[in-house]
């Protein structure tokens, strides 16, 4: 199965929605022993990372294509392939 296509945006500081309005992720979890400010900041950072995921995946694919053509450094190719596989698994 493929991920939800299109641009993902943050709404209400901790929720990620697709451009069609579908809820992609809610990052409003609560950690025991965290103060509220730290908990909110971490939830917002997680939402930003998740919202960036489709763009990061495309950038990795483009970078892999270029590196495979012009580089013989397998560690870079391996790292990108692993990240892409993790996202598309």
PDB file of N, CA and C in Angstrom:
ATOM      1  N   UNK A   1       0.844  -1.174   0.000  1.00  0.00           N
ATOM      2  CA  UNK A   1       0.000   0.000   0.000  1.00  0.00           C
ATOM      3  C   UNK A   1       0.893   1.242   0.000  1.00  0.00           C
ATOM      4  N   UNK A   2       0.457   2.249  -0.681  1.00  0.00           N
ATOM      5  CA  UNK A   2       1.202   3.504  -0.735  1.00  0.00           C
ATOM      6  C   UNK A   2       0.703   4.471   0.333  1.00  0.00           C
ATOM      7  N   UNK A   3       1.561   5.438   0.641  1.00  0.00           N
ATOM      8  CA  UNK A   3       1.174   6.458   1.616  1.00  0.00           C
ATOM      9  C   UNK A   3       0.202   7.460   0.987  1.00  0.00           C
ATOM     10  N   UNK A   4      -0.430   8.242   1.818  1.00  0.00           N
ATOM     11  CA  UNK A   4      -1.347   9.281   1.360  1.00  0.00           C
ATOM     12  C   UNK A   4      -0.569  10.298   0.533  1.00  0.00           C
ATOM     13  N   UNK A   5      -0.979  10.494  -0.685  1.00  0.00           N
ATOM     14  CA  UNK A   5      -0.277  11.396  -1.605  1.00  0.00           C
ATOM     15  C   UNK A   5      -0.580  12.850  -1.293  1.00  0.00           C
ATOM     16  N   UNK A   6       0.268  13.715  -1.843  1.00  0.00           N
ATOM     17  CA  UNK A   6       0.038  15.143  -1.735  1.00  0.00           C
ATOM     18  C   UNK A   6       0.803  15.785  -0.595  1.00  0.00           C
ATOM     19  N   UNK A   7       0.514  17.029  -0.404  1.00  0.00           N
ATOM     20  CA  UNK A   7       1.181  17.830   0.625  1.00  0.00           C
ATOM     21  C   UNK A   7       0.537  17.555   1.972  1.00  0.00           C
ATOM     22  N   UNK A   8       1.373  17.377   2.990  1.00  0.00           N
ATOM     23  CA  UNK A   8       0.885  17.190   4.352  1.00  0.00           C
ATOM     24  C   UNK A   8       1.132  18.472   5.120  1.00  0.00           C
ATOM     25  N   UNK A   9       0.147  18.901   5.883  1.00  0.00           N
ATOM     26  CA  UNK A   9       0.267  20.149   6.647  1.00  0.00           C
ATOM     27  C   UNK A   9      -0.140  19.922   8.094  1.00  0.00           C
ATOM     28  N   UNK A  10       0.441  20.739   8.960  1.00  0.00           N
ATOM     29  CA  UNK A  10       0.137  20.683  10.384  1.00  0.00           C
ATOM     30  C   UNK A  10      -1.044  21.606  10.669  1.00  0.00           C
ATOM     31  N   UNK A  11      -2.002  21.088  11.435  1.00  0.00           N
ATOM     32  CA  UNK A  11      -3.126  21.894  11.911  1.00  0.00           C
ATOM     33  C   UNK A  11      -3.239  21.684  13.408  1.00  0.00           C
ATOM     34  N   UNK A  12      -3.612  22.716  14.103  1.00  0.00           N
ATOM     35  CA  UNK A  12      -3.782  22.653  15.556  1.00  0.00           C
ATOM     36  C   UNK A  12      -2.473  22.256  16.237  1.00  0.00           C
ATOM     37  N   UNK A  13      -1.350  22.626  15.693  1.00  0.00           N
ATOM     38  CA  UNK A  13       0.030  22.468  16.174  1.00  0.00           C
ATOM     39  C   UNK A  13       0.531  21.038  16.301  1.00  0.00           C
ATOM     40  N   UNK A  14      -0.344  20.037  16.440  1.00  0.00           N
ATOM     41  CA  UNK A  14       0.150  18.680  16.683  1.00  0.00           C
ATOM     42  C   UNK A  14      -0.513  17.608  15.818  1.00  0.00           C
ATOM     43  N   UNK A  15      -1.312  18.006  14.835  1.00  0.00           N
ATOM     44  CA  UNK A  15      -1.972  17.051  13.950  1.00  0.00           C
ATOM     45  C   UNK A  15      -1.547  17.306  12.515  1.00  0.00           C
ATOM     46  N   UNK A  16      -1.337  16.216  11.773  1.00  0.00           N
ATOM     47  CA  UNK A  16      -0.896  16.309  10.385  1.00  0.00           C
ATOM     48  C   UNK A  16      -2.031  15.822   9.491  1.00  0.00           C
ATOM     49  N   UNK A  17      -2.405  16.657   8.511  1.00  0.00           N
ATOM     50  CA  UNK A  17      -3.486  16.344   7.579  1.00  0.00           C
ATOM     51  C   UNK A  17      -2.982  16.385   6.142  1.00  0.00           C
ATOM     52  N   UNK A  18      -3.588  15.547   5.284  1.00  0.00           N
ATOM     53  CA  UNK A  18      -3.298  15.618   3.853  1.00  0.00           C
ATOM     54  C   UNK A  18      -4.023  16.816   3.270  1.00  0.00           C
ATOM     55  N   UNK A  19      -3.711  17.117   2.014  1.00  0.00           N
ATOM     56  CA  UNK A  19      -4.359  18.259   1.374  1.00  0.00           C
ATOM     57  C   UNK A  19      -5.845  18.002   1.131  1.00  0.00           C
ATOM     58  N   UNK A  20      -6.275  16.747   1.220  1.00  0.00           N
ATOM     59  CA  UNK A  20      -7.697  16.434   1.078  1.00  0.00           C
ATOM     60  C   UNK A  20      -8.428  16.447   2.418  1.00  0.00           C
ATOM     61  N   UNK A  21      -7.699  16.718   3.506  1.00  0.00           N
ATOM     62  CA  UNK A  21      -8.311  16.800   4.820  1.00  0.00           C
ATOM     63  C   UNK A  21      -8.245  15.525   5.637  1.00  0.00           C
ATOM     64  N   UNK A  22      -7.598  14.506   5.107  1.00  0.00           N
ATOM     65  CA  UNK A  22      -7.468  13.238   5.830  1.00  0.00           C
ATOM     66  C   UNK A  22      -6.445  13.380   6.955  1.00  0.00           C
ATOM     67  N   UNK A  23      -6.784  12.913   8.151  1.00  0.00           N
ATOM     68  CA  UNK A  23      -5.843  12.916   9.260  1.00  0.00           C
ATOM     69  C   UNK A  23      -4.766  11.875   8.991  1.00  0.00           C
ATOM     70  N   UNK A  24      -3.527  12.315   8.879  1.00  0.00           N
ATOM     71  CA  UNK A  24      -2.402  11.426   8.632  1.00  0.00           C
ATOM     72  C   UNK A  24      -1.810  10.964   9.963  1.00  0.00           C
ATOM     73  N   UNK A  25      -1.676  11.884  10.911  1.00  0.00           N
ATOM     74  CA  UNK A  25      -1.092  11.541  12.213  1.00  0.00           C
ATOM     75  C   UNK A  25      -1.525  12.549  13.265  1.00  0.00           C
ATOM     76  N   UNK A  26      -1.690  12.032  14.461  1.00  0.00           N
ATOM     77  CA  UNK A  26      -1.947  12.885  15.616  1.00  0.00           C
ATOM     78  C   UNK A  26      -0.770  12.725  16.560  1.00  0.00           C
ATOM     79  N   UNK A  27      -0.111  13.809  16.851  1.00  0.00           N
ATOM     80  CA  UNK A  27       1.085  13.774  17.695  1.00  0.00           C
ATOM     81  C   UNK A  27       0.803  14.402  19.054  1.00  0.00           C
ATOM     82  N   UNK A  28      -0.362  14.135  19.574  1.00  0.00           N
ATOM     83  CA  UNK A  28      -0.742  14.775  20.829  1.00  0.00           C
ATOM     84  C   UNK A  28      -0.646  13.820  22.016  1.00  0.00           C
ATOM     85  N   UNK A  29       0.274  12.872  21.921  1.00  0.00           N
ATOM     86  CA  UNK A  29       0.465  11.929  23.014  1.00  0.00           C
ATOM     87  C   UNK A  29       1.016  12.607  24.257  1.00  0.00           C
ATOM     88  N   UNK A  30       0.890  11.949  25.370  1.00  0.00           N
ATOM     89  CA  UNK A  30       1.358  12.499  26.641  1.00  0.00           C
ATOM     90  C   UNK A  30       2.336  11.520  27.277  1.00  0.00           C
ATOM     91  N   UNK A  31       3.462  12.029  27.728  1.00  0.00           N
ATOM     92  CA  UNK A  31       4.481  11.225  28.401  1.00  0.00           C
ATOM     93  C   UNK A  31       4.416  11.479  29.901  1.00  0.00           C
ATOM     94  N   UNK A  32       4.396  10.438  30.675  1.00  0.00           N
ATOM     95  CA  UNK A  32       4.472  10.633  32.118  1.00  0.00           C
ATOM     96  C   UNK A  32       5.838  11.188  32.472  1.00  0.00           C
ATOM     97  N   UNK A  33       5.889  11.938  33.524  1.00  0.00           N
ATOM     98  CA  UNK A  33       7.125  12.525  34.048  1.00  0.00           C
ATOM     99  C   UNK A  33       7.714  13.606  33.144  1.00  0.00           C
ATOM    100  N   UNK A  34       6.994  14.050  32.118  1.00  0.00           N
ATOM    101  CA  UNK A  34       7.423  15.181  31.301  1.00  0.00           C
ATOM    102  C   UNK A  34       6.635  16.392  31.757  1.00  0.00           C
ATOM    103  N   UNK A  35       7.281  17.538  31.772  1.00  0.00           N
ATOM    104  CA  UNK A  35       6.488  18.726  32.049  1.00  0.00           C
ATOM    105  C   UNK A  35       5.706  19.084  30.787  1.00  0.00           C
ATOM    106  N   UNK A  36       4.640  19.817  30.949  1.00  0.00           N
ATOM    107  CA  UNK A  36       3.726  20.098  29.839  1.00  0.00           C
ATOM    108  C   UNK A  36       4.409  20.832  28.687  1.00  0.00           C
ATOM    109  N   UNK A  37       5.272  21.782  28.989  1.00  0.00           N
ATOM    110  CA  UNK A  37       5.966  22.536  27.930  1.00  0.00           C
ATOM    111  C   UNK A  37       6.863  21.617  27.111  1.00  0.00           C
ATOM    112  N   UNK A  38       7.582  20.736  27.773  1.00  0.00           N
ATOM    113  CA  UNK A  38       8.462  19.810  27.068  1.00  0.00           C
ATOM    114  C   UNK A  38       7.633  18.841  26.224  1.00  0.00           C
ATOM    115  N   UNK A  39       6.546  18.353  26.782  1.00  0.00           N
ATOM    116  CA  UNK A  39       5.669  17.433  26.068  1.00  0.00           C
ATOM    117  C   UNK A  39       5.103  18.096  24.810  1.00  0.00           C
ATOM    118  N   UNK A  40       4.621  19.327  24.942  1.00  0.00           N
ATOM    119  CA  UNK A  40       4.058  20.053  23.800  1.00  0.00           C
ATOM    120  C   UNK A  40       5.121  20.302  22.734  1.00  0.00           C
ATOM    121  N   UNK A  41       6.308  20.719  23.146  1.00  0.00           N
ATOM    122  CA  UNK A  41       7.383  20.989  22.189  1.00  0.00           C
ATOM    123  C   UNK A  41       7.770  19.729  21.421  1.00  0.00           C
ATOM    124  N   UNK A  42       7.850  18.603  22.112  1.00  0.00           N
ATOM    125  CA  UNK A  42       8.199  17.346  21.443  1.00  0.00           C
ATOM    126  C   UNK A  42       7.095  16.909  20.487  1.00  0.00           C
ATOM    127  N   UNK A  43       5.840  17.037  20.892  1.00  0.00           N
ATOM    128  CA  UNK A  43       4.726  16.698  20.010  1.00  0.00           C
ATOM    129  C   UNK A  43       4.733  17.554  18.749  1.00  0.00           C
ATOM    130  N   UNK A  44       4.997  18.830  18.893  1.00  0.00           N
ATOM    131  CA  UNK A  44       5.042  19.734  17.738  1.00  0.00           C
ATOM    132  C   UNK A  44       6.213  19.386  16.821  1.00  0.00           C
ATOM    133  N   UNK A  45       7.366  19.038  17.390  1.00  0.00           N
ATOM    134  CA  UNK A  45       8.527  18.642  16.583  1.00  0.00           C
ATOM    135  C   UNK A  45       8.222  17.348  15.823  1.00  0.00           C
ATOM    136  N   UNK A  46       7.556  16.397  16.465  1.00  0.00           N
ATOM    137  CA  UNK A  46       7.176  15.158  15.791  1.00  0.00           C
ATOM    138  C   UNK A  46       6.213  15.441  14.645  1.00  0.00           C
ATOM    139  N   UNK A  47       5.264  16.342  14.847  1.00  0.00           N
ATOM    140  CA  UNK A  47       4.316  16.702  13.785  1.00  0.00           C
ATOM    141  C   UNK A  47       5.042  17.335  12.602  1.00  0.00           C
ATOM    142  N   UNK A  48       6.023  18.201  12.869  1.00  0.00           N
ATOM    143  CA  UNK A  48       6.790  18.816  11.774  1.00  0.00           C
ATOM    144  C   UNK A  48       7.545  17.760  10.973  1.00  0.00           C
ATOM    145  N   UNK A  49       8.156  16.810  11.665  1.00  0.00           N
ATOM    146  CA  UNK A  49       8.903  15.751  10.982  1.00  0.00           C
ATOM    147  C   UNK A  49       7.972  14.890  10.128  1.00  0.00           C
ATOM    148  N   UNK A  50       6.836  14.521  10.668  1.00  0.00           N
ATOM    149  CA  UNK A  50       5.879  13.705   9.917  1.00  0.00           C
ATOM    150  C   UNK A  50       5.344  14.478   8.713  1.00  0.00           C
ATOM    151  N   UNK A  51       5.040  15.747   8.882  1.00  0.00           N
ATOM    152  CA  UNK A  51       4.534  16.556   7.765  1.00  0.00           C
ATOM    153  C   UNK A  51       5.560  16.669   6.650  1.00  0.00           C
ATOM    154  N   UNK A  52       6.837  16.630   6.981  1.00  0.00           N
ATOM    155  CA  UNK A  52       7.909  16.735   5.985  1.00  0.00           C
ATOM    156  C   UNK A  52       8.204  15.402   5.299  1.00  0.00           C
ATOM    157  N   UNK A  53       7.667  14.300   5.803  1.00  0.00           N
ATOM    158  CA  UNK A  53       8.015  12.964   5.313  1.00  0.00           C
ATOM    159  C   UNK A  53       7.862  12.779   3.801  1.00  0.00           C
ATOM    160  N   UNK A  54       6.744  13.174   3.179  1.00  0.00           N
ATOM    161  CA  UNK A  54       6.646  12.976   1.726  1.00  0.00           C
ATOM    162  C   UNK A  54       7.735  13.730   0.953  1.00  0.00           C
ATOM    163  N   UNK A  55       8.043  14.941   1.377  1.00  0.00           N
ATOM    164  CA  UNK A  55       9.096  15.714   0.710  1.00  0.00           C
ATOM    165  C   UNK A  55      10.463  15.077   0.929  1.00  0.00           C
ATOM    166  N   UNK A  56      10.708  14.593   2.145  1.00  0.00           N
ATOM    167  CA  UNK A  56      11.982  13.933   2.438  1.00  0.00           C
ATOM    168  C   UNK A  56      12.142  12.656   1.623  1.00  0.00           C
ATOM    169  N   UNK A  57      11.067  11.889   1.464  1.00  0.00           N
ATOM    170  CA  UNK A  57      11.122  10.669   0.662  1.00  0.00           C
ATOM    171  C   UNK A  57      11.468  10.987  -0.790  1.00  0.00           C
ATOM    172  N   UNK A  58      10.815  11.970  -1.358  1.00  0.00           N
ATOM    173  CA  UNK A  58      11.112  12.353  -2.748  1.00  0.00           C
ATOM    174  C   UNK A  58      12.540  12.853  -2.899  1.00  0.00           C
ATOM    175  N   UNK A  59      13.025  13.633  -1.934  1.00  0.00           N
ATOM    176  CA  UNK A  59      14.400  14.128  -1.985  1.00  0.00           C
ATOM    177  C   UNK A  59      15.393  12.975  -1.915  1.00  0.00           C
ATOM    178  N   UNK A  60      15.110  11.975  -1.095  1.00  0.00           N
ATOM    179  CA  UNK A  60      15.984  10.800  -1.005  1.00  0.00           C
ATOM    180  C   UNK A  60      16.019  10.048  -2.334  1.00  0.00           C
ATOM    181  N   UNK A  61      14.862   9.888  -2.963  1.00  0.00           N
ATOM    182  CA  UNK A  61      14.812   9.192  -4.249  1.00  0.00           C
ATOM    183  C   UNK A  61      15.613   9.937  -5.314  1.00  0.00           C
ATOM    184  N   UNK A  62      15.472  11.253  -5.346  1.00  0.00           N
ATOM    185  CA  UNK A  62      16.219  12.052  -6.318  1.00  0.00           C
ATOM    186  C   UNK A  62      17.716  11.986  -6.041  1.00  0.00           C
ATOM    187  N   UNK A  63      18.091  12.096  -4.775  1.00  0.00           N
ATOM    188  CA  UNK A  63      19.506  12.026  -4.405  1.00  0.00           C
ATOM    189  C   UNK A  63      20.085  10.665  -4.756  1.00  0.00           C
ATOM    190  N   UNK A  64      19.350   9.596  -4.495  1.00  0.00           N
ATOM    191  CA  UNK A  64      19.817   8.251  -4.819  1.00  0.00           C
ATOM    192  C   UNK A  64      20.059   8.113  -6.311  1.00  0.00           C
ATOM    193  N   UNK A  65      19.156   8.626  -7.109  1.00  0.00           N
ATOM    194  CA  UNK A  65      19.304   8.556  -8.557  1.00  0.00           C
ATOM    195  C   UNK A  65      20.595   9.238  -9.015  1.00  0.00           C
ATOM    196  N   UNK A  66      20.875  10.401  -8.469  1.00  0.00           N
ATOM    197  CA  UNK A  66      22.091  11.142  -8.833  1.00  0.00           C
ATOM    198  C   UNK A  66      23.334  10.438  -8.315  1.00  0.00           C
ATOM    199  N   UNK A  67      23.310  10.000  -7.077  1.00  0.00           N
ATOM    200  CA  UNK A  67      24.485   9.346  -6.491  1.00  0.00           C
ATOM    201  C   UNK A  67      24.806   8.048  -7.212  1.00  0.00           C
ATOM    202  N   UNK A  68      23.789   7.282  -7.586  1.00  0.00           N
ATOM    203  CA  UNK A  68      24.044   6.032  -8.303  1.00  0.00           C
ATOM    204  C   UNK A  68      24.714   6.277  -9.651  1.00  0.00           C
ATOM    205  N   UNK A  69      24.436   7.412 -10.272  1.00  0.00           N
ATOM    206  CA  UNK A  69      25.043   7.740 -11.562  1.00  0.00           C
ATOM    207  C   UNK A  69      26.477   8.230 -11.433  1.00  0.00           C
ATOM    208  N   UNK A  70      26.772   8.993 -10.371  1.00  0.00           N
ATOM    209  CA  UNK A  70      28.033   9.714 -10.310  1.00  0.00           C
ATOM    210  C   UNK A  70      28.946   9.343  -9.147  1.00  0.00           C
ATOM    211  N   UNK A  71      28.567   8.398  -8.325  1.00  0.00           N
ATOM    212  CA  UNK A  71      29.382   8.074  -7.158  1.00  0.00           C
ATOM    213  C   UNK A  71      29.574   6.574  -7.051  1.00  0.00           C
ATOM    214  N   UNK A  72      30.735   6.205  -6.524  1.00  0.00           N
ATOM    215  CA  UNK A  72      30.979   4.789  -6.270  1.00  0.00           C
ATOM    216  C   UNK A  72      31.160   4.541  -4.768  1.00  0.00           C
ATOM    217  N   UNK A  73      30.549   5.401  -3.960  1.00  0.00           N
ATOM    218  CA  UNK A  73      30.627   5.264  -2.516  1.00  0.00           C
ATOM    219  C   UNK A  73      29.390   4.490  -2.049  1.00  0.00           C
ATOM    220  N   UNK A  74      29.544   3.175  -1.826  1.00  0.00           N
ATOM    221  CA  UNK A  74      28.369   2.360  -1.513  1.00  0.00           C
ATOM    222  C   UNK A  74      27.678   2.712  -0.201  1.00  0.00           C
ATOM    223  N   UNK A  75      28.399   3.294   0.746  1.00  0.00           N
ATOM    224  CA  UNK A  75      27.769   3.610   2.026  1.00  0.00           C
ATOM    225  C   UNK A  75      26.656   4.642   1.869  1.00  0.00           C
ATOM    226  N   UNK A  76      26.844   5.617   0.989  1.00  0.00           N
ATOM    227  CA  UNK A  76      25.797   6.611   0.745  1.00  0.00           C
ATOM    228  C   UNK A  76      24.593   5.976   0.056  1.00  0.00           C
ATOM    229  N   UNK A  77      24.870   5.134  -0.918  1.00  0.00           N
ATOM    230  CA  UNK A  77      23.798   4.465  -1.642  1.00  0.00           C
ATOM    231  C   UNK A  77      23.022   3.560  -0.685  1.00  0.00           C
ATOM    232  N   UNK A  78      23.732   2.815   0.139  1.00  0.00           N
ATOM    233  CA  UNK A  78      23.084   1.917   1.098  1.00  0.00           C
ATOM    234  C   UNK A  78      22.197   2.687   2.059  1.00  0.00           C
ATOM    235  N   UNK A  79      22.692   3.781   2.606  1.00  0.00           N
ATOM    236  CA  UNK A  79      21.918   4.567   3.580  1.00  0.00           C
ATOM    237  C   UNK A  79      20.637   5.098   2.949  1.00  0.00           C
ATOM    238  N   UNK A  80      20.725   5.610   1.742  1.00  0.00           N
ATOM    239  CA  UNK A  80      19.512   6.127   1.072  1.00  0.00           C
ATOM    240  C   UNK A  80      18.540   5.009   0.757  1.00  0.00           C
ATOM    241  N   UNK A  81      19.038   3.880   0.268  1.00  0.00           N
ATOM    242  CA  UNK A  81      18.158   2.753  -0.038  1.00  0.00           C
ATOM    243  C   UNK A  81      17.450   2.254   1.224  1.00  0.00           C
ATOM    244  N   UNK A  82      18.164   2.203   2.326  1.00  0.00           N
ATOM    245  CA  UNK A  82      17.564   1.780   3.591  1.00  0.00           C
ATOM    246  C   UNK A  82      16.462   2.736   4.040  1.00  0.00           C
ATOM    247  N   UNK A  83      16.718   4.033   3.929  1.00  0.00           N
ATOM    248  CA  UNK A  83      15.721   5.037   4.347  1.00  0.00           C
ATOM    249  C   UNK A  83      14.480   4.966   3.461  1.00  0.00           C
ATOM    250  N   UNK A  84      14.674   4.809   2.165  1.00  0.00           N
ATOM    251  CA  UNK A  84      13.552   4.709   1.231  1.00  0.00           C
ATOM    252  C   UNK A  84      12.753   3.435   1.503  1.00  0.00           C
ATOM    253  N   UNK A  85      13.448   2.333   1.710  1.00  0.00           N
ATOM    254  CA  UNK A  85      12.762   1.067   1.992  1.00  0.00           C
ATOM    255  C   UNK A  85      11.958   1.151   3.290  1.00  0.00           C
ATOM    256  N   UNK A  86      12.514   1.812   4.279  1.00  0.00           N
ATOM    257  CA  UNK A  86      11.793   1.962   5.549  1.00  0.00           C
ATOM    258  C   UNK A  86      10.501   2.762   5.357  1.00  0.00           C
ATOM    259  N   UNK A  87      10.572   3.784   4.517  1.00  0.00           N
ATOM    260  CA  UNK A  87       9.391   4.615   4.267  1.00  0.00           C
ATOM    261  C   UNK A  87       8.346   3.905   3.414  1.00  0.00           C
ATOM    262  N   UNK A  88       8.801   3.048   2.527  1.00  0.00           N
ATOM    263  CA  UNK A  88       7.872   2.413   1.588  1.00  0.00           C
ATOM    264  C   UNK A  88       7.481   0.983   1.976  1.00  0.00           C
ATOM    265  N   UNK A  89       8.007   0.493   3.081  1.00  0.00           N
ATOM    266  CA  UNK A  89       7.735  -0.915   3.472  1.00  0.00           C
ATOM    267  C   UNK A  89       6.288  -1.168   3.757  1.00  0.00           C
TER     268      UNK A  89
END
